[in-house]
Amino acid sequence: MPRPRITCHMASSIDGRILPQRWSPTGAHSHETYDRLHERLGGGSWIVGRATGQEFAKREAYPQDTTERFPRTAWLPKTDATAYAIVTDAHGKIAWGRADVGGDPIIVLLTEQVSDSHLAGLRGDGVGYVFAGTESFDLDAAMSFLKGQLHIDHLLLEGGGHINGALLRAGMVDEISLMIVPAIDGAGGAPATFDGPDSAEGLPIELTALVLEEHELLNGGILWLRYRIERSTRSASRR
């Protein structure tokens, strides 16, 4: 199925960790530089996981009761935006209290297990949603919808290591833009650029090569690397 081209754009410490508030020395990370690279990559629509999406939320929770019943079909209050903020939230945990992030309308990817009260909350906030599976995510269907219905041709994946890892394992990441910050996390088990399930055996990441397309030394000793992902014909045909 057709899908957007996906660039994973991330900032990490030199030990591959992705929570800047944990890094030493403090202040080494540059949000300005990260955002500038975001625009250099083409800007546009972007996708994050639930934990990252929660950082943008302005409410604690939605009301738990509603008499309304909603069909498990997409609800999109805005379909003509130049960029969207896509957030995976399988079980409907995020109460938004807003309809956009920086002017980009929010669209949440849900499973059909989400409650009607949560859907009522999303509608009340003006947050669009798409169902992408019954109990677990169907990534192929989700990406096909974004391409076909919202005409998203390029998507910046700015996870969460888990969503980054899931899309990489699914063969959907086409290139990696990595901003390496001269700082160290140093803690075992800290979130990484690409994470997987605890039982990752049997879920290999099938790559033929990472081809370096660009590299640049930026202010503050930050190193920017841009890789194109190559896969075998056999693994690419399963996408």
Protein backbone atom coordinates (compact mmCIF):
# COMPACT_ATOMS: atom_id res chain seq x y z
CA MET A 1 0.00 0.00 0.00
CA PRO A 2 1.25 3.53 -0.70
CA ARG A 3 2.51 5.41 2.32
CA PRO A 4 4.39 8.62 3.12
CA ARG A 5 8.16 8.71 2.88
CA ILE A 6 9.35 8.70 6.49
CA THR A 7 12.40 10.46 7.89
CA CYS A 8 13.26 9.68 11.51
CA HIS A 9 14.58 12.97 12.90
CA MET A 10 16.03 12.74 16.40
CA ALA A 11 18.51 14.29 18.81
CA SER A 12 20.53 12.01 21.04
CA SER A 13 23.40 12.10 23.51
CA ILE A 14 26.62 10.45 22.37
CA ASP A 15 25.47 7.28 24.15
CA GLY A 16 22.27 7.19 22.11
CA ARG A 17 19.81 8.40 24.76
CA ILE A 18 16.97 10.82 23.98
CA LEU A 19 15.89 12.61 27.19
CA PRO A 20 17.86 15.90 27.24
CA GLN A 21 16.82 16.73 30.82
CA ARG A 22 18.97 13.77 31.95
CA TRP A 23 22.10 14.71 30.03
CA SER A 24 25.36 16.08 31.36
CA PRO A 25 26.53 18.73 30.85
CA THR A 26 23.18 20.42 31.15
CA GLY A 27 22.30 22.91 28.45
CA ALA A 28 24.21 21.06 25.72
CA HIS A 29 21.03 20.36 23.75
CA SER A 30 19.79 23.05 21.34
CA HIS A 31 16.07 23.06 20.56
CA GLU A 32 16.71 25.86 18.09
CA THR A 33 19.18 23.74 16.14
CA TYR A 34 16.81 20.76 16.20
CA ASP A 35 13.93 22.87 14.88
CA ARG A 36 16.14 24.38 12.19
CA LEU A 37 17.05 20.89 10.97
CA HIS A 38 13.35 19.96 11.07
CA GLU A 39 12.67 22.74 8.59
CA ARG A 40 15.73 21.86 6.52
CA LEU A 41 14.34 18.35 6.12
CA GLY A 42 11.19 19.83 4.65
CA GLY A 43 9.14 20.56 7.75
CA GLY A 44 5.55 19.49 7.25
CA SER A 45 3.68 16.78 9.12
CA TRP A 46 5.30 14.92 12.01
CA ILE A 47 4.50 11.91 14.17
CA VAL A 48 5.32 11.01 17.78
CA GLY A 49 4.28 8.34 20.26
CA ARG A 50 2.04 8.63 23.29
CA ALA A 51 4.72 9.57 25.83
CA THR A 52 6.03 12.41 23.68
CA GLY A 53 2.50 13.50 22.77
CA GLN A 54 1.59 13.70 26.46
CA GLU A 55 4.11 16.51 26.85
CA PHE A 56 1.86 18.74 24.71
CA ALA A 57 -1.38 17.98 26.61
CA LYS A 58 -3.10 20.67 28.64
CA ARG A 59 -5.76 18.63 30.45
CA GLU A 60 -5.51 15.95 33.10
CA ALA A 61 -8.36 13.76 31.86
CA TYR A 62 -11.63 13.72 29.97
CA PRO A 63 -14.98 13.04 31.71
CA GLN A 64 -15.54 9.30 32.06
CA ASP A 65 -19.26 9.22 31.27
CA THR A 66 -21.19 10.03 28.11
CA THR A 67 -24.53 9.02 26.65
CA GLU A 68 -23.21 9.50 23.14
CA ARG A 69 -22.10 6.63 20.94
CA PHE A 70 -19.70 7.13 18.08
CA PRO A 71 -18.93 4.96 15.07
CA ARG A 72 -15.38 3.64 14.86
CA THR A 73 -14.63 5.70 11.78
CA ALA A 74 -12.25 8.60 11.23
CA TRP A 75 -13.30 12.05 12.40
CA LEU A 76 -11.30 14.88 10.86
CA PRO A 77 -12.40 18.44 11.62
CA LYS A 78 -9.63 19.88 9.42
CA THR A 79 -8.43 18.29 6.20
CA ASP A 80 -6.71 21.16 4.39
CA ALA A 81 -3.75 21.88 6.67
CA THR A 82 -0.23 22.19 5.29
CA ALA A 83 1.10 20.11 8.22
CA TYR A 84 -0.38 17.83 10.88
CA ALA A 85 0.77 16.70 14.32
CA ILE A 86 0.18 12.93 14.34
CA VAL A 87 0.21 11.13 17.70
CA THR A 88 -0.19 7.40 18.37
CA ASP A 89 -2.38 6.80 21.42
CA ALA A 90 -3.69 3.25 21.13
CA HIS A 91 -5.79 3.23 24.29
CA GLY A 92 -6.85 6.88 24.45
CA LYS A 93 -4.76 8.13 27.38
CA ILE A 94 -4.09 11.74 26.35
CA ALA A 95 -6.57 14.52 27.24
CA TRP A 96 -5.49 17.35 24.99
CA GLY A 97 -7.19 20.60 25.95
CA ARG A 98 -6.04 21.99 22.61
CA ALA A 99 -6.63 21.32 18.92
CA ASP A 100 -3.17 21.98 17.50
CA VAL A 101 0.54 22.12 18.28
CA GLY A 102 2.22 25.22 16.90
CA GLY A 103 -0.62 25.64 14.41
CA ASP A 104 -0.46 22.02 13.22
CA PRO A 105 -3.84 20.30 13.78
CA ILE A 106 -3.60 17.25 16.03
CA ILE A 107 -4.65 13.87 14.65
CA VAL A 108 -4.59 10.91 17.01
CA LEU A 109 -4.15 7.31 15.84
CA LEU A 110 -6.37 5.09 17.99
CA THR A 111 -7.50 1.49 18.25
CA GLU A 112 -11.19 0.60 18.34
CA GLN A 113 -10.94 -0.23 22.05
CA VAL A 114 -11.02 3.48 22.95
CA SER A 115 -14.09 4.52 24.94
CA ASP A 116 -16.90 6.71 23.64
CA SER A 117 -16.21 9.17 26.48
CA HIS A 118 -12.66 9.63 25.19
CA LEU A 119 -13.95 10.19 21.65
CA ALA A 120 -16.37 12.79 23.04
CA GLY A 121 -13.44 14.54 24.71
CA LEU A 122 -11.42 14.57 21.49
CA ARG A 123 -14.35 15.99 19.55
CA GLY A 124 -14.91 18.63 22.20
CA ASP A 125 -11.29 19.74 21.85
CA GLY A 126 -11.45 19.66 18.06
CA VAL A 127 -8.84 16.90 17.87
CA GLY A 128 -9.11 14.68 14.82
CA TYR A 129 -8.75 10.92 15.09
CA VAL A 130 -8.24 7.88 12.90
CA PHE A 131 -8.75 4.23 13.84
CA ALA A 132 -5.73 2.11 12.99
CA GLY A 133 -6.59 -1.35 14.26
CA THR A 134 -9.01 -3.17 16.52
CA GLU A 135 -6.84 -4.00 19.53
CA SER A 136 -3.32 -3.18 18.30
CA PHE A 137 -1.99 -0.84 15.65
CA ASP A 138 -2.15 -1.73 11.98
CA LEU A 139 0.75 0.48 10.87
CA ASP A 140 0.23 -0.28 7.18
CA ALA A 141 -3.39 0.87 7.35
CA ALA A 142 -2.50 3.98 9.36
CA MET A 143 0.22 5.12 6.97
CA SER A 144 -1.93 4.34 3.94
CA PHE A 145 -4.72 6.51 5.39
CA LEU A 146 -2.38 9.44 6.02
CA LYS A 147 -1.13 9.21 2.45
CA GLY A 148 -4.47 8.61 0.74
CA GLN A 149 -6.87 10.74 2.76
CA LEU A 150 -4.68 13.58 4.04
CA HIS A 151 -2.20 13.59 1.13
CA ILE A 152 0.82 13.43 3.44
CA ASP A 153 3.76 12.59 1.19
CA HIS A 154 6.55 13.06 3.75
CA LEU A 155 6.36 12.43 7.48
CA LEU A 156 8.97 13.35 10.08
CA LEU A 157 9.14 10.65 12.74
CA GLU A 158 10.22 12.34 15.97
CA GLY A 159 9.40 9.59 18.53
CA GLY A 160 9.73 8.00 21.36
CA GLY A 161 12.13 5.17 20.85
CA HIS A 162 9.26 2.66 20.80
CA ILE A 163 7.39 4.22 17.88
CA ASN A 164 10.71 4.82 16.10
CA GLY A 165 11.63 1.17 16.60
CA ALA A 166 8.21 -0.11 15.58
CA LEU A 167 8.22 1.80 12.29
CA LEU A 168 11.84 0.85 11.61
CA ARG A 169 11.11 -2.84 12.21
CA ALA A 170 8.06 -2.55 9.95
CA GLY A 171 10.32 -1.35 7.14
CA MET A 172 8.71 2.07 6.96
CA VAL A 173 11.62 4.36 7.82
CA ASP A 174 13.40 5.58 4.69
CA GLU A 175 16.09 7.80 6.19
CA ILE A 176 17.53 8.82 9.54
CA SER A 177 18.46 12.36 10.55
CA LEU A 178 20.44 12.18 13.77
CA MET A 179 21.64 15.20 15.73
CA ILE A 180 24.34 13.96 18.13
CA VAL A 181 24.75 16.31 21.09
CA PRO A 182 28.05 16.40 23.05
CA ALA A 183 26.46 15.15 26.27
CA ILE A 184 26.13 11.85 28.11
CA ASP A 185 23.17 10.22 29.83
CA GLY A 186 25.03 7.25 31.30
CA ALA A 187 22.03 5.50 32.84
CA GLY A 188 21.14 1.90 32.06
CA GLY A 189 17.71 1.42 30.54
CA ALA A 190 17.22 5.06 29.54
CA PRO A 191 15.11 5.57 26.38
CA ALA A 192 17.12 5.22 23.19
CA THR A 193 16.68 6.50 19.65
CA PHE A 194 15.32 3.10 18.61
CA ASP A 195 13.77 0.83 21.22
CA GLY A 196 11.93 -2.46 20.93
CA PRO A 197 9.84 -4.84 23.00
CA ASP A 198 11.51 -6.58 25.92
CA SER A 199 11.35 -9.83 23.95
CA ALA A 200 13.05 -8.45 20.85
CA GLU A 201 14.38 -11.85 19.80
CA GLY A 202 12.78 -12.89 16.54
CA LEU A 203 12.13 -9.27 15.58
CA PRO A 204 15.30 -8.39 13.68
CA ILE A 205 15.74 -5.00 12.05
CA GLU A 206 16.33 -5.96 8.43
CA LEU A 207 18.69 -3.43 6.87
CA THR A 208 21.17 -3.89 4.06
CA ALA A 209 23.05 -0.62 4.62
CA LEU A 210 22.91 2.84 6.14
CA VAL A 211 24.30 5.16 3.47
CA LEU A 212 25.67 8.47 4.72
CA GLU A 213 24.12 11.24 2.61
CA GLU A 214 25.10 14.33 4.61
CA HIS A 215 27.13 15.23 7.66
CA GLU A 216 27.82 18.57 9.26
CA LEU A 217 29.46 19.96 12.38
CA LEU A 218 27.12 22.51 13.95
CA ASN A 219 27.44 25.10 16.69
CA GLY A 220 28.23 23.79 20.16
CA GLY A 221 29.99 20.69 18.87
CA ILE A 222 26.73 19.13 17.65
CA LEU A 223 27.21 16.62 14.84
CA TRP A 224 24.42 16.12 12.30
CA LEU A 225 24.28 12.86 10.35
CA ARG A 226 21.80 11.99 7.63
CA TYR A 227 21.57 8.39 6.43
CA ARG A 228 19.56 6.74 3.66
CA ILE A 229 18.28 3.29 4.58
CA GLU A 230 18.79 0.50 2.09
CA ARG A 231 17.00 -2.84 2.36
CA SER A 232 17.13 -6.02 0.37
CA THR A 233 14.53 -6.48 -2.36
CA ARG A 234 13.03 -9.33 -0.34
CA SER A 235 12.51 -7.32 2.85
CA ALA A 236 11.32 -4.22 0.98
CA SER A 237 8.68 -6.26 -0.86
CA ARG A 238 7.01 -7.13 2.47
CA ARG A 239 6.29 -3.48 3.29
